[in-house]
Every structure is written in structure tokens, then in C-alpha cells.
Protein backbone atom coordinates (compact mmCIF):
# COMPACT_ATOMS: atom_id res chain seq x y z
CA UNK A 1 -23.76 38.46 14.32
CA UNK A 2 -25.05 34.94 15.08
CA UNK A 3 -24.85 34.05 11.39
CA UNK A 4 -21.25 35.22 11.18
CA UNK A 5 -20.32 33.14 14.24
CA UNK A 6 -22.16 30.14 12.79
CA UNK A 7 -20.35 30.44 9.44
CA UNK A 8 -16.98 30.91 11.15
CA UNK A 9 -17.64 27.82 13.30
CA UNK A 10 -18.49 25.75 10.20
CA UNK A 11 -15.34 26.97 8.41
CA UNK A 12 -13.18 26.23 11.45
CA UNK A 13 -14.66 22.73 11.87
CA UNK A 14 -14.13 22.01 8.18
CA UNK A 15 -10.52 23.16 8.37
CA UNK A 16 -9.85 20.98 11.42
CA UNK A 17 -11.51 17.96 9.77
CA UNK A 18 -9.46 18.39 6.60
CA UNK A 19 -6.25 18.72 8.61
CA UNK A 20 -7.09 15.56 10.59
CA UNK A 21 -7.80 13.64 7.36
CA UNK A 22 -4.50 14.81 5.87
CA UNK A 23 -2.70 13.65 9.02
CA UNK A 24 -4.39 10.23 8.87
CA UNK A 25 -3.49 9.88 5.17
CA UNK A 26 0.14 10.70 5.98
CA UNK A 27 0.16 8.05 8.70
CA UNK A 28 -1.14 5.50 6.18
CA UNK A 29 1.52 6.56 3.67
CA UNK A 30 4.09 6.04 6.41
CA UNK A 31 2.66 2.56 7.00
CA UNK A 32 3.23 1.70 3.34
CA UNK A 33 6.68 3.26 3.64
CA UNK A 34 7.42 0.78 6.45
CA UNK A 35 6.72 -2.10 4.06
CA UNK A 36 9.07 -0.60 1.50
CA UNK A 37 11.76 0.14 4.10
CA UNK A 38 11.53 -3.41 5.42
CA UNK A 39 11.85 -4.91 1.95
CA UNK A 40 14.64 -2.64 0.80
CA UNK A 41 16.67 -3.24 3.99
CA UNK A 42 15.91 -7.01 3.82
CA UNK A 43 14.35 -6.88 7.28
CA UNK A 44 11.44 -9.24 7.79
CA UNK A 45 10.91 -7.69 11.21
CA UNK A 46 10.53 -4.16 9.83
CA UNK A 47 8.30 -5.35 6.99
CA UNK A 48 5.99 -7.32 9.30
CA UNK A 49 5.80 -4.49 11.85
CA UNK A 50 3.20 -2.83 9.59
CA UNK A 51 0.74 -5.67 10.24
CA UNK A 52 -1.84 -6.23 12.98
CA UNK A 53 -1.97 -9.27 15.19
CA UNK A 54 -3.51 -11.32 13.54
CA UNK A 55 -3.90 -10.39 9.86
CA UNK A 56 -4.85 -12.02 6.57
CA UNK A 57 -2.23 -12.16 3.83
CA UNK A 58 -2.88 -13.25 0.25
CA UNK A 59 0.25 -13.71 -1.84
CA UNK A 60 0.41 -12.77 -5.55
CA UNK A 61 0.09 -16.45 -6.55
CA UNK A 62 -3.07 -16.94 -4.48
CA UNK A 63 -1.67 -18.50 -1.31
CA UNK A 64 -3.97 -17.40 1.51
CA UNK A 65 -2.61 -17.09 5.03
CA UNK A 66 -5.66 -16.57 7.22
CA UNK A 67 -5.11 -15.20 10.74
CA UNK A 68 -1.38 -14.87 10.08
CA UNK A 69 0.78 -13.79 13.00
CA UNK A 70 3.31 -10.98 12.88
CA UNK A 71 5.99 -13.52 13.88
CA UNK A 72 5.08 -15.83 10.98
CA UNK A 73 5.06 -12.86 8.58
CA UNK A 74 8.49 -11.81 9.91
CA UNK A 75 9.96 -15.28 9.44
CA UNK A 76 8.46 -15.80 5.99
CA UNK A 77 9.63 -12.44 4.69
CA UNK A 78 13.07 -12.84 6.22
CA UNK A 79 13.37 -16.17 4.41
CA UNK A 80 12.41 -14.67 1.03
CA UNK A 81 14.74 -11.68 1.60
CA UNK A 82 17.57 -14.14 2.25
CA UNK A 83 16.75 -16.37 -0.73
CA UNK A 84 14.47 -15.74 -3.72
CA UNK A 85 14.25 -11.94 -3.26
CA UNK A 86 17.84 -11.45 -2.10
CA UNK A 87 19.34 -8.14 -3.25
CA UNK A 88 16.06 -6.76 -4.58
CA UNK A 89 14.26 -3.50 -4.02
CA UNK A 90 10.57 -2.78 -3.81
CA UNK A 91 8.83 0.16 -5.46
CA UNK A 92 5.36 1.37 -4.47
CA UNK A 93 2.89 3.94 -5.72
CA UNK A 94 -0.18 4.57 -3.59
CA UNK A 95 -3.16 4.88 -5.89
CA UNK A 96 -5.99 5.32 -3.42
CA UNK A 97 -6.72 5.87 0.24
CA UNK A 98 -10.38 5.72 1.21
CA UNK A 99 -11.66 5.90 4.77
CA UNK A 100 -14.45 3.37 5.20
CA UNK A 101 -14.85 4.49 8.79
CA UNK A 102 -12.81 6.78 11.01
CA UNK A 103 -10.59 3.87 12.04
CA UNK A 104 -10.78 1.67 8.90
CA UNK A 105 -9.09 2.54 5.61
CA UNK A 106 -8.91 0.89 2.20
CA UNK A 107 -5.73 1.37 0.20
CA UNK A 108 -4.85 0.38 -3.34
CA UNK A 109 -1.11 0.32 -3.96
CA UNK A 110 0.84 -0.59 -7.10
CA UNK A 111 4.18 -2.31 -6.68
CA UNK A 112 7.12 -3.83 -8.47
CA UNK A 113 10.33 -5.58 -7.45
CA UNK A 114 13.66 -5.18 -9.21
CA UNK A 115 17.28 -6.10 -8.54
CA UNK A 116 19.00 -3.52 -6.30
CA UNK A 117 21.12 -2.20 -9.17
CA UNK A 118 18.19 -1.65 -11.57
CA UNK A 119 15.80 1.26 -12.00
CA UNK A 120 12.13 1.16 -11.14
CA UNK A 121 10.29 -1.12 -13.61
CA UNK A 122 8.37 0.66 -16.34
CA UNK A 123 5.10 -1.10 -15.50
CA UNK A 124 3.68 -2.13 -12.14
CA UNK A 125 3.77 -5.85 -11.40
CA UNK A 126 1.23 -6.15 -8.61
CA UNK A 127 -1.78 -4.36 -7.20
CA UNK A 128 -2.17 -4.58 -3.44
CA UNK A 129 -5.53 -4.13 -1.78
CA UNK A 130 -4.93 -3.30 1.86
CA UNK A 131 -7.36 -2.81 4.71
CA UNK A 132 -5.82 -0.96 7.63
CA UNK A 133 -7.29 -0.42 11.06
CA UNK A 134 -6.36 2.17 13.64
CA UNK A 135 -6.14 0.78 17.18
CA UNK A 136 -4.57 2.46 20.16
CA UNK A 137 -3.56 5.39 17.97
CA UNK A 138 -1.65 3.31 15.39
CA UNK A 139 -2.57 2.13 11.91
CA UNK A 140 -1.86 -1.54 11.15
CA UNK A 141 -2.67 -3.76 8.18
CA UNK A 142 -5.43 -6.28 8.95
CA UNK A 143 -5.81 -7.61 5.39
CA UNK A 144 -3.33 -7.62 2.52
CA UNK A 145 -4.14 -8.97 -0.95
CA UNK A 146 -1.35 -8.96 -3.50
CA UNK A 147 -2.65 -9.38 -7.08
CA UNK A 148 -0.32 -10.24 -9.95
CA UNK A 149 -0.96 -7.85 -12.87
CA UNK A 150 -1.05 -10.35 -15.70
CA UNK A 151 -2.13 -7.71 -18.20
CA UNK A 152 1.55 -6.80 -18.63
CA UNK A 153 2.61 -10.42 -19.15
CA UNK A 154 0.33 -11.28 -22.04
CA UNK A 155 0.21 -9.26 -25.26
CA UNK A 156 -3.36 -10.39 -26.01
CA UNK A 157 -4.59 -9.24 -22.60
CA UNK A 158 -2.74 -5.96 -23.01
CA UNK A 159 -4.32 -5.31 -26.41
CA UNK A 160 -7.77 -6.37 -25.18
CA UNK A 161 -7.76 -4.28 -22.00
CA UNK A 162 -11.10 -2.42 -21.61
CA UNK A 163 -9.20 0.70 -20.53
CA UNK A 164 -5.61 1.48 -21.54
CA UNK A 165 -3.26 0.30 -18.76
CA UNK A 166 -1.67 3.76 -18.73
CA UNK A 167 -5.08 5.04 -17.56
CA UNK A 168 -5.88 2.14 -15.20
CA UNK A 169 -2.49 2.44 -13.50
CA UNK A 170 -1.97 6.17 -14.01
CA UNK A 171 -0.62 6.82 -10.51
CA UNK A 172 2.24 4.36 -11.16
CA UNK A 173 3.25 6.23 -14.30
CA UNK A 174 2.84 9.63 -12.63
CA UNK A 175 5.11 8.45 -9.80
CA UNK A 176 7.55 6.96 -12.30
CA UNK A 177 7.86 10.28 -14.13
CA UNK A 178 9.17 11.88 -10.92
CA UNK A 179 12.20 9.60 -10.83
């Protein structure tokens, strides 16, 4: 009887742990959704609301904003939504969520930007590496690194890739096939 109770306890604990992890993953997916919602509604405030105070932000071209404030992120993104990225939409595909600790997560996310009237680009344009931290019950981005995927911009790099891009970026293509 003790063995049965022990096994049932282990099964119950495992089920609860898996449910909690699924809930945390959904919260992180919602965090990424906030970025997309902010971009697609041209709201710097919504976009920046996904970030912690302060956070690090590395732009696709290498600009590094260390200890960036949410206000600065809001203003910068509002400016680009009103100018160079006016009337664009952002597409994301989450490739990986890995919990480094209970309250720290690493995410890899593929992305691409297109004019509002165009379909999702065939290939991803950037790979974001995001570190999120959960404080006071809420996940926020503490570090954001946006890497330009040059492999799709240079035929020689594309041909010389050590792994076919369709394999390296498989989650982008799987997501694209749903649309």
C-alpha cells in the first residue's frame, strides 16, 4: 500500500510540474505576442511593455543599448514605427524556450518584417536571442539580441551553410506552412 501511495504521489507531482511548465511556456509565448502586437499596431508603448526596467537591447546591425529604459525603448520604437518601419508587420516563430532557472528563460525566436499588404516572408530575416526573467509574477525581457540572418542575403553563404537553412530554421518553415 505504501508503494502505491508513493507511486501515485510521484505521478501527481510530475503532472503538476508539467502543467506548471506548460503554463510558464504559454506566458512566455504571450510575452513574444506582446512584441508582435506592439509592432503590428505601431505602438511603441505596447512593444516596450514586454521589457524589464532596465534591459539590454542589441539591434540587428550591432547597436548595443546597455541598461536601456522602457521609456527609451518606447520612444525609439515609436519613432521607427512612424518612419522607417511605417505600415509594416512583424512575423515571429518561437524556436526554443529553455528554462535556465525557475525564473529565468532563454528564448530563440525567428522574425521577419514585411509591408502590411504582403504575406509572411518565405525566409526568416532575424534570429532573436531573448533572456526573460520572472519577477513579481510577470515575465519581462532583460536581454534582447537581434541577429541579422545574412545567410539568406548571400548566395555563397547559403550554398556553404554547414546545415541546410531549412533544417537550421525549421520552426520558421513549419510555422509558415500553417499560413
